[in-house]
C-alpha atoms as a PDB file:
ATOM      1  CA  MET A   1     -16.657 -78.497-127.556  1.00  0.00           C
ATOM      2  CA  GLN A   2     -16.769 -75.111-129.345  1.00  0.00           C
ATOM      3  CA  ILE A   3     -19.729 -74.058-131.475  1.00  0.00           C
ATOM      4  CA  GLU A   4     -19.298 -71.376-134.100  1.00  0.00           C
ATOM      5  CA  ILE A   5     -22.320 -69.177-134.835  1.00  0.00           C
ATOM      6  CA  SER A   6     -22.564 -67.378-138.165  1.00  0.00           C
ATOM      7  CA  LEU A   7     -23.853 -63.848-137.701  1.00  0.00           C
ATOM      8  CA  ASN A   8     -24.940 -63.796-141.335  1.00  0.00           C
ATOM      9  CA  GLN A   9     -27.449 -66.588-140.641  1.00  0.00           C
ATOM     10  CA  SER A  10     -30.548 -66.714-138.509  1.00  0.00           C
ATOM     11  CA  VAL A  11     -30.819 -68.901-135.423  1.00  0.00           C
ATOM     12  CA  GLU A  12     -32.852 -71.435-137.411  1.00  0.00           C
ATOM     13  CA  GLU A  13     -30.236 -71.521-140.212  1.00  0.00           C
ATOM     14  CA  ASN A  14     -27.389 -72.022-137.714  1.00  0.00           C
ATOM     15  CA  ALA A  15     -29.347 -74.816-136.065  1.00  0.00           C
ATOM     16  CA  ALA A  16     -30.026 -76.471-139.425  1.00  0.00           C
ATOM     17  CA  THR A  17     -26.295 -76.404-140.262  1.00  0.00           C
ATOM     18  CA  TYR A  18     -25.389 -78.206-137.053  1.00  0.00           C
ATOM     19  CA  PHE A  19     -28.280 -80.597-137.503  1.00  0.00           C
ATOM     20  CA  ASP A  20     -26.867 -81.598-140.911  1.00  0.00           C
ATOM     21  CA  LEU A  21     -23.389 -81.987-139.406  1.00  0.00           C
ATOM     22  CA  ALA A  22     -24.836 -84.195-136.669  1.00  0.00           C
ATOM     23  CA  LYS A  23     -26.559 -86.430-139.232  1.00  0.00           C
ATOM     24  CA  LYS A  24     -23.300 -86.799-141.206  1.00  0.00           C
ATOM     25  CA  SER A  25     -21.411 -87.650-138.040  1.00  0.00           C
ATOM     26  CA  LYS A  26     -24.023 -90.242-137.119  1.00  0.00           C
ATOM     27  CA  ARG A  27     -23.754 -91.855-140.566  1.00  0.00           C
ATOM     28  CA  LYS A  28     -19.956 -91.908-140.277  1.00  0.00           C
ATOM     29  CA  MET A  29     -20.230 -93.507-136.836  1.00  0.00           C
ATOM     30  CA  GLU A  30     -22.612 -96.161-138.105  1.00  0.00           C
ATOM     31  CA  GLY A  31     -20.253 -96.853-141.015  1.00  0.00           C
ATOM     32  CA  ALA A  32     -17.325 -97.099-138.629  1.00  0.00           C
ATOM     33  CA  LYS A  33     -19.256 -99.537-136.414  1.00  0.00           C
ATOM     34  CA  LYS A  34     -20.145-101.666-139.441  1.00  0.00           C
ATOM     35  CA  ALA A  35     -16.536-101.659-140.624  1.00  0.00           C
ATOM     36  CA  LEU A  36     -15.401-102.617-137.129  1.00  0.00           C
ATOM     37  CA  LEU A  37     -17.853-105.527-136.982  1.00  0.00           C
ATOM     38  CA  GLU A  38     -16.739-106.761-140.414  1.00  0.00           C
ATOM     39  CA  SER A  39     -13.093-106.482-139.364  1.00  0.00           C
ATOM     40  CA  ARG A  40     -13.800-108.478-136.198  1.00  0.00           C
ATOM     41  CA  LYS A  41     -15.618-111.120-138.248  1.00  0.00           C
ATOM     42  CA  LYS A  42     -12.693-111.416-140.678  1.00  0.00           C
ATOM     43  CA  LEU A  43     -10.273-111.622-137.764  1.00  0.00           C
ATOM     44  CA  GLU A  44     -12.281-114.437-136.177  1.00  0.00           C
ATOM     45  CA  GLU A  45     -12.313-116.317-139.510  1.00  0.00           C
ATOM     46  CA  LEU A  46      -8.543-115.865-139.865  1.00  0.00           C
ATOM     47  CA  GLN A  47      -7.986-117.038-136.289  1.00  0.00           C
ATOM     48  CA  LYS A  48     -10.169-120.092-136.952  1.00  0.00           C
ATOM     49  CA  LYS A  49      -8.222-120.903-140.130  1.00  0.00           C
ATOM     50  CA  GLU A  50      -4.967-120.437-138.252  1.00  0.00           C
ATOM     51  CA  HIS A  51      -6.174-122.813-135.530  1.00  0.00           C
ATOM     52  CA  LEU A  52      -7.154-125.456-138.114  1.00  0.00           C
ATOM     53  CA  PHE A  53      -3.832-125.027-139.910  1.00  0.00           C
ATOM     54  CA  LEU A  54      -1.857-125.418-136.683  1.00  0.00           C
ATOM     55  CA  GLU A  55      -3.957-128.456-135.741  1.00  0.00           C
ATOM     56  CA  GLU A  56      -3.295-130.093-139.128  1.00  0.00           C
ATOM     57  CA  GLU A  57       0.418-129.358-138.855  1.00  0.00           C
ATOM     58  CA  GLN A  58       0.459-130.868-135.371  1.00  0.00           C
ATOM     59  CA  GLN A  59      -1.262-134.002-136.662  1.00  0.00           C
ATOM     60  CA  LYS A  60       1.292-134.265-139.478  1.00  0.00           C
ATOM     61  CA  ARG A  61       4.157-133.970-136.990  1.00  0.00           C
ATOM     62  CA  GLU A  62       2.567-136.564-134.715  1.00  0.00           C
ATOM     63  CA  LYS A  63       2.103-138.962-137.651  1.00  0.00           C
ATOM     64  CA  LYS A  64       5.786-138.590-138.532  1.00  0.00           C
ATOM     65  CA  ASP A  65       6.771-139.197-134.908  1.00  0.00           C
ATOM     66  CA  ILE A  66       4.709-142.397-134.628  1.00  0.00           C
ATOM     67  CA  LYS A  67       6.892-145.466-134.897  1.00  0.00           C
ATOM     68  CA  ARG A  68       5.476-147.705-137.610  1.00  0.00           C
ATOM     69  CA  GLU A  69       5.707-151.464-137.248  1.00  0.00           C
ATOM     70  CA  TRP A  70       6.805-153.565-140.225  1.00  0.00           C
ATOM     71  CA  TYR A  71       3.393-155.170-140.590  1.00  0.00           C
ATOM     72  CA  GLU A  72       1.528-151.850-140.941  1.00  0.00           C
ATOM     73  CA  LYS A  73       2.255-151.796-144.677  1.00  0.00           C
ATOM     74  CA  PHE A  74      -0.210-154.720-144.970  1.00  0.00           C
ATOM     75  CA  HIS A  75      -3.757-155.310-143.796  1.00  0.00           C
ATOM     76  CA  TRP A  76      -3.320-156.172-140.130  1.00  0.00           C
ATOM     77  CA  PHE A  77      -4.924-156.512-136.707  1.00  0.00           C
ATOM     78  CA  ILE A  78      -4.203-158.037-133.319  1.00  0.00           C
ATOM     79  CA  SER A  79      -6.657-160.803-132.470  1.00  0.00           C
ATOM     80  CA  SER A  80      -8.592-161.083-129.204  1.00  0.00           C
ATOM     81  CA  GLU A  81      -6.035-163.646-128.074  1.00  0.00           C
ATOM     82  CA  GLY A  82      -3.081-161.425-128.964  1.00  0.00           C
ATOM     83  CA  PHE A  83      -2.043-163.037-132.251  1.00  0.00           C
ATOM     84  CA  LEU A  84      -0.703-160.835-135.056  1.00  0.00           C
ATOM     85  CA  CYS A  85      -2.688-161.311-138.263  1.00  0.00           C
ATOM     86  CA  ILE A  86      -1.473-159.832-141.565  1.00  0.00           C
ATOM     87  CA  GLY A  87      -2.895-159.849-145.087  1.00  0.00           C
ATOM     88  CA  GLY A  88      -2.007-158.706-148.582  1.00  0.00           C
ATOM     89  CA  LYS A  89      -3.499-155.556-150.074  1.00  0.00           C
ATOM     90  CA  ASP A  90      -2.756-156.461-153.687  1.00  0.00           C
ATOM     91  CA  ALA A  91      -0.930-159.054-155.805  1.00  0.00           C
ATOM     92  CA  THR A  92       2.506-157.775-154.805  1.00  0.00           C
ATOM     93  CA  SER A  93       1.836-157.729-151.069  1.00  0.00           C
ATOM     94  CA  ASN A  94       0.145-161.149-151.302  1.00  0.00           C
ATOM     95  CA  GLU A  95       3.435-162.473-152.648  1.00  0.00           C
ATOM     96  CA  ILE A  96       5.403-160.789-149.857  1.00  0.00           C
ATOM     97  CA  VAL A  97       3.095-162.042-147.093  1.00  0.00           C
ATOM     98  CA  ILE A  98       3.325-165.654-148.217  1.00  0.00           C
ATOM     99  CA  LYS A  99       6.942-165.780-149.370  1.00  0.00           C
ATOM    100  CA  LYS A 100       8.631-163.584-146.753  1.00  0.00           C
ATOM    101  CA  HIS A 101       6.386-163.507-143.699  1.00  0.00           C
ATOM    102  CA  THR A 102       4.927-167.017-143.460  1.00  0.00           C
ATOM    103  CA  ASP A 103       6.582-169.558-141.158  1.00  0.00           C
ATOM    104  CA  PRO A 104       5.844-173.290-140.672  1.00  0.00           C
ATOM    105  CA  GLU A 105       3.935-172.673-137.409  1.00  0.00           C
ATOM    106  CA  ASP A 106       1.528-170.120-138.989  1.00  0.00           C
ATOM    107  CA  LEU A 107      -1.891-170.592-140.606  1.00  0.00           C
ATOM    108  CA  VAL A 108      -2.828-169.265-144.054  1.00  0.00           C
ATOM    109  CA  PHE A 109      -6.326-167.981-144.928  1.00  0.00           C
ATOM    110  CA  HIS A 110      -7.902-167.316-148.333  1.00  0.00           C
ATOM    111  CA  THR A 111     -11.186-167.635-150.274  1.00  0.00           C
ATOM    112  CA  ASP A 112     -12.150-169.348-153.520  1.00  0.00           C
ATOM    113  CA  MET A 113     -12.919-165.943-155.052  1.00  0.00           C
ATOM    114  CA  ALA A 114     -10.349-164.316-157.344  1.00  0.00           C
ATOM    115  CA  GLY A 115      -8.902-161.063-156.045  1.00  0.00           C
ATOM    116  CA  SER A 116      -9.060-162.044-152.381  1.00  0.00           C
ATOM    117  CA  PRO A 117      -6.201-161.419-149.943  1.00  0.00           C
ATOM    118  CA  PHE A 118      -4.041-164.074-148.357  1.00  0.00           C
ATOM    119  CA  PHE A 119      -4.013-163.629-144.579  1.00  0.00           C
ATOM    120  CA  VAL A 120      -1.578-165.220-142.163  1.00  0.00           C
ATOM    121  CA  ILE A 121      -1.921-165.740-138.409  1.00  0.00           C
ATOM    122  CA  LYS A 122       1.575-165.610-136.981  1.00  0.00           C
ATOM    123  CA  ASN A 123       2.105-168.686-134.813  1.00  0.00           C
ATOM    124  CA  GLY A 124      -1.485-169.447-135.791  1.00  0.00           C
ATOM    125  CA  GLN A 125      -1.394-173.193-135.112  1.00  0.00           C
ATOM    126  CA  LYS A 126      -1.568-172.303-131.426  1.00  0.00           C
ATOM    127  CA  ALA A 127      -4.493-169.906-131.907  1.00  0.00           C
ATOM    128  CA  GLY A 128      -7.972-170.583-130.568  1.00  0.00           C
ATOM    129  CA  GLU A 129     -11.297-170.600-132.390  1.00  0.00           C
ATOM    130  CA  ILE A 130     -11.953-166.878-131.799  1.00  0.00           C
ATOM    131  CA  THR A 131      -8.744-165.879-133.619  1.00  0.00           C
ATOM    132  CA  LEU A 132      -9.608-168.193-136.517  1.00  0.00           C
ATOM    133  CA  GLN A 133     -13.062-166.621-136.798  1.00  0.00           C
ATOM    134  CA  GLU A 134     -11.645-163.100-136.605  1.00  0.00           C
ATOM    135  CA  THR A 135      -9.108-163.764-139.349  1.00  0.00           C
ATOM    136  CA  ALA A 136     -11.781-165.306-141.550  1.00  0.00           C
ATOM    137  CA  GLN A 137     -13.836-162.139-141.067  1.00  0.00           C
ATOM    138  CA  ALA A 138     -10.890-159.968-142.155  1.00  0.00           C
ATOM    139  CA  VAL A 139     -10.328-162.093-145.270  1.00  0.00           C
ATOM    140  CA  GLY A 140     -14.014-161.943-146.185  1.00  0.00           C
ATOM    141  CA  VAL A 141     -14.247-158.195-145.693  1.00  0.00           C
ATOM    142  CA  TYR A 142     -11.245-157.508-147.922  1.00  0.00           C
ATOM    143  CA  SER A 143     -12.406-159.991-150.578  1.00  0.00           C
ATOM    144  CA  ARG A 144     -14.648-159.365-153.605  1.00  0.00           C
ATOM    145  CA  ALA A 145     -17.589-160.574-151.517  1.00  0.00           C
ATOM    146  CA  TRP A 146     -17.712-157.117-149.863  1.00  0.00           C
ATOM    147  CA  LYS A 147     -17.800-155.307-153.212  1.00  0.00           C
ATOM    148  CA  LEU A 148     -20.589-157.616-154.373  1.00  0.00           C
ATOM    149  CA  GLY A 149     -22.653-156.709-151.309  1.00  0.00           C
ATOM    150  CA  HIS A 150     -22.615-160.173-149.726  1.00  0.00           C
ATOM    151  CA  GLY A 151     -23.425-160.555-146.048  1.00  0.00           C
ATOM    152  CA  THR A 152     -21.115-163.546-145.543  1.00  0.00           C
ATOM    153  CA  ALA A 153     -18.213-165.255-147.309  1.00  0.00           C
ATOM    154  CA  ASP A 154     -16.695-168.725-147.564  1.00  0.00           C
ATOM    155  CA  VAL A 155     -13.158-168.534-146.168  1.00  0.00           C
ATOM    156  CA  PHE A 156     -10.751-171.443-145.753  1.00  0.00           C
ATOM    157  CA  TYR A 157      -7.495-171.936-143.897  1.00  0.00           C
ATOM    158  CA  VAL A 158      -4.592-174.340-144.352  1.00  0.00           C
ATOM    159  CA  LYS A 159      -1.066-174.929-143.107  1.00  0.00           C
ATOM    160  CA  PRO A 160       1.793-173.111-144.896  1.00  0.00           C
ATOM    161  CA  GLU A 161       3.171-176.303-146.486  1.00  0.00           C
ATOM    162  CA  GLN A 162      -0.103-176.634-148.420  1.00  0.00           C
ATOM    163  CA  VAL A 163       0.482-173.301-150.212  1.00  0.00           C
ATOM    164  CA  THR A 164       2.850-173.274-153.199  1.00  0.00           C
ATOM    165  CA  LYS A 165       3.653-171.639-156.509  1.00  0.00           C
ATOM    166  CA  GLU A 166       3.940-175.072-158.151  1.00  0.00           C
ATOM    167  CA  ALA A 167       1.059-175.408-160.582  1.00  0.00           C
ATOM    168  CA  LYS A 168      -0.422-178.523-162.120  1.00  0.00           C
ATOM    169  CA  ALA A 169       0.634-179.422-165.638  1.00  0.00           C
ATOM    170  CA  GLY A 170      -0.785-176.949-168.140  1.00  0.00           C
ATOM    171  CA  GLU A 171      -1.752-174.404-165.464  1.00  0.00           C
ATOM    172  CA  TYR A 172      -0.219-171.007-164.710  1.00  0.00           C
ATOM    173  CA  VAL A 173      -0.072-169.279-161.332  1.00  0.00           C
ATOM    174  CA  SER A 174      -0.199-165.482-161.690  1.00  0.00           C
ATOM    175  CA  LYS A 175       1.462-162.934-159.412  1.00  0.00           C
ATOM    176  CA  GLY A 176      -0.241-162.792-156.032  1.00  0.00           C
ATOM    177  CA  SER A 177      -1.857-166.200-156.518  1.00  0.00           C
ATOM    178  CA  PHE A 178      -0.868-169.580-155.106  1.00  0.00           C
ATOM    179  CA  MET A 179      -1.937-173.186-155.450  1.00  0.00           C
ATOM    180  CA  VAL A 180      -3.446-174.807-152.355  1.00  0.00           C
ATOM    181  CA  TYR A 181      -3.234-178.594-152.000  1.00  0.00           C
ATOM    182  CA  GLY A 182      -4.756-180.929-149.441  1.00  0.00           C
ATOM    183  CA  LYS A 183      -7.534-180.564-146.903  1.00  0.00           C
ATOM    184  CA  THR A 184      -9.077-177.122-146.428  1.00  0.00           C
ATOM    185  CA  ASN A 185     -11.035-175.971-143.372  1.00  0.00           C
ATOM    186  CA  TYR A 186     -13.922-173.600-144.105  1.00  0.00           C
ATOM    187  CA  LEU A 187     -15.442-170.797-142.002  1.00  0.00           C
ATOM    188  CA  HIS A 188     -18.378-168.549-142.898  1.00  0.00           C
ATOM    189  CA  PRO A 189     -17.871-165.145-141.254  1.00  0.00           C
ATOM    190  CA  LYS A 190     -20.299-162.232-141.221  1.00  0.00           C
ATOM    191  CA  LEU A 191     -18.990-159.362-143.360  1.00  0.00           C
ATOM    192  CA  GLU A 192     -18.611-156.435-140.989  1.00  0.00           C
ATOM    193  CA  TYR A 193     -15.600-154.536-139.655  1.00  0.00           C
ATOM    194  CA  ALA A 194     -14.976-152.341-136.652  1.00  0.00           C
ATOM    195  CA  PHE A 195     -13.048-149.162-135.863  1.00  0.00           C
ATOM    196  CA  GLY A 196     -11.900-147.678-132.591  1.00  0.00           C
ATOM    197  CA  LEU A 197      -9.408-145.298-131.000  1.00  0.00           C
ATOM    198  CA  VAL A 198      -6.569-146.420-128.734  1.00  0.00           C
ATOM    199  CA  ASP A 199      -4.432-143.614-127.296  1.00  0.00           C
ATOM    200  CA  GLY A 200      -5.693-141.356-130.075  1.00  0.00           C
ATOM    201  CA  ARG A 201      -4.697-143.768-132.856  1.00  0.00           C
ATOM    202  CA  VAL A 202      -7.182-145.426-135.178  1.00  0.00           C
ATOM    203  CA  ILE A 203      -7.386-149.206-135.134  1.00  0.00           C
ATOM    204  CA  GLY A 204      -9.495-151.332-137.439  1.00  0.00           C
ATOM    205  CA  GLY A 205     -10.276-155.031-137.598  1.00  0.00           C
ATOM    206  CA  PRO A 206     -12.777-157.784-136.826  1.00  0.00           C
ATOM    207  CA  VAL A 207     -15.485-156.659-134.425  1.00  0.00           C
ATOM    208  CA  SER A 208     -14.577-158.883-131.467  1.00  0.00           C
ATOM    209  CA  ALA A 209     -10.872-158.010-131.797  1.00  0.00           C
ATOM    210  CA  ILE A 210     -11.530-154.251-131.683  1.00  0.00           C
ATOM    211  CA  LYS A 211     -14.025-154.610-128.822  1.00  0.00           C
ATOM    212  CA  LYS A 212     -11.240-156.272-126.855  1.00  0.00           C
ATOM    213  CA  GLN A 213      -9.111-153.128-127.140  1.00  0.00           C
ATOM    214  CA  THR A 214     -11.607-150.289-126.744  1.00  0.00           C
ATOM    215  CA  GLU A 215     -15.198-149.777-125.588  1.00  0.00           C
ATOM    216  CA  LYS A 216     -16.316-147.204-128.144  1.00  0.00           C
ATOM    217  CA  ILE A 217     -16.383-148.749-131.611  1.00  0.00           C
ATOM    218  CA  VAL A 218     -17.994-148.045-134.984  1.00  0.00           C
ATOM    219  CA  ILE A 219     -19.025-151.005-137.156  1.00  0.00           C
ATOM    220  CA  VAL A 220     -19.221-150.811-140.948  1.00  0.00           C
ATOM    221  CA  ILE A 221     -21.048-153.100-143.337  1.00  0.00           C
ATOM    222  CA  SER A 222     -21.437-153.274-147.108  1.00  0.00           C
ATOM    223  CA  GLY A 223     -23.616-150.410-148.353  1.00  0.00           C
ATOM    224  CA  LYS A 224     -23.914-147.466-150.743  1.00  0.00           C
ATOM    225  CA  GLU A 225     -21.553-144.848-149.248  1.00  0.00           C
ATOM    226  CA  LYS A 226     -18.374-144.067-151.184  1.00  0.00           C
ATOM    227  CA  LYS A 227     -15.194-145.000-149.348  1.00  0.00           C
ATOM    228  CA  SER A 228     -14.194-141.353-148.834  1.00  0.00           C
ATOM    229  CA  ASP A 229     -17.608-140.412-147.433  1.00  0.00           C
ATOM    230  CA  LEU A 230     -17.707-143.515-145.261  1.00  0.00           C
ATOM    231  CA  ALA A 231     -14.322-142.633-143.764  1.00  0.00           C
ATOM    232  CA  LYS A 232     -15.657-139.202-142.759  1.00  0.00           C
ATOM    233  CA  LYS A 233     -18.759-140.763-141.242  1.00  0.00           C
ATOM    234  CA  VAL A 234     -16.638-143.208-139.225  1.00  0.00           C
ATOM    235  CA  ARG A 235     -14.442-140.373-137.930  1.00  0.00           C
ATOM    236  CA  HIS A 236     -17.532-138.380-136.941  1.00  0.00           C
ATOM    237  CA  ARG A 237     -18.996-141.337-135.041  1.00  0.00           C
ATOM    238  CA  LEU A 238     -15.667-142.019-133.319  1.00  0.00           C
ATOM    239  CA  GLY A 239     -15.313-138.369-132.378  1.00  0.00           C
ATOM    240  CA  GLY A 240     -11.811-138.153-133.822  1.00  0.00           C
ATOM    241  CA  GLY A 241      -9.070-140.062-135.579  1.00  0.00           C
ATOM    242  CA  ASP A 242      -6.929-139.523-138.650  1.00  0.00           C
ATOM    243  CA  LEU A 243      -8.940-139.744-141.861  1.00  0.00           C
ATOM    244  CA  ASP A 244      -6.100-141.361-143.813  1.00  0.00           C
ATOM    245  CA  GLU A 245      -5.703-144.079-141.184  1.00  0.00           C
ATOM    246  CA  ILE A 246      -9.433-144.838-141.259  1.00  0.00           C
ATOM    247  CA  THR A 247      -9.310-145.060-145.055  1.00  0.00           C
ATOM    248  CA  LYS A 248      -6.411-147.539-144.892  1.00  0.00           C
ATOM    249  CA  PHE A 249      -8.467-149.936-142.767  1.00  0.00           C
ATOM    250  CA  LEU A 250     -11.629-149.656-144.885  1.00  0.00           C
ATOM    251  CA  PRO A 251     -12.240-152.361-147.507  1.00  0.00           C
ATOM    252  CA  SER A 252     -12.413-151.414-151.176  1.00  0.00           C
ATOM    253  CA  GLY A 253     -15.883-150.627-152.441  1.00  0.00           C
ATOM    254  CA  GLU A 254     -18.901-148.988-150.888  1.00  0.00           C
ATOM    255  CA  GLY A 255     -20.200-149.426-147.361  1.00  0.00           C
ATOM    256  CA  ASP A 256     -22.154-147.868-144.541  1.00  0.00           C
ATOM    257  CA  VAL A 257     -22.095-147.501-140.772  1.00  0.00           C
ATOM    258  CA  LYS A 258     -24.079-150.198-138.997  1.00  0.00           C
ATOM    259  CA  LYS A 259     -26.926-148.730-136.946  1.00  0.00           C
END
């Protein structure tokens, strides 16, 4: 390092000049350090955003790659005994479930409340009591009883030949509704539903059915949380899972996570 001394200045004046230069250099260095720290912080934020973006894109690709079964367009679950149980999500899908996917050996579930889904246990006449109870729970959860904050619901089941579009004289059967004739068998399930993860995929259904498939489960009950907030809470408790898939399994209306 070379130091230039001005002969026109005293020793003190030369020293003062270099002292001022040193202070300016120090300020520039501090500014450079601050700029470097801010740049590093911005870089870390960008890297974090990039990681989240890549993770979301990966999840989208994985969702596209997942082979969807025909019944996944409806409410569905696999019972503890291995029976497939499907239910309508609205008037249109109620019609499809009963008209296109109900066979003579099945069982049909419904409630006396308007706006409730029709559920079908495939090959249900061979099902045991646990599957009947689980299906009744699914029907109750997706019925208006959940929205009204009820803890239980009255659910009945019948054979397929008892369900028809033929109304009594002077009556009209609307889309998604059916007439039920003959003896009905009633069950009174508790209104709660469970969620779990199996091979990274979200599954939802009656509590005992989900417990059969995975140890870690989250149970929801009727409550005050909005559906969107409840879905996030369920995902947090599960430690993962696709938010859209969780939302699909949640009943309409408000709820909360059971403690």
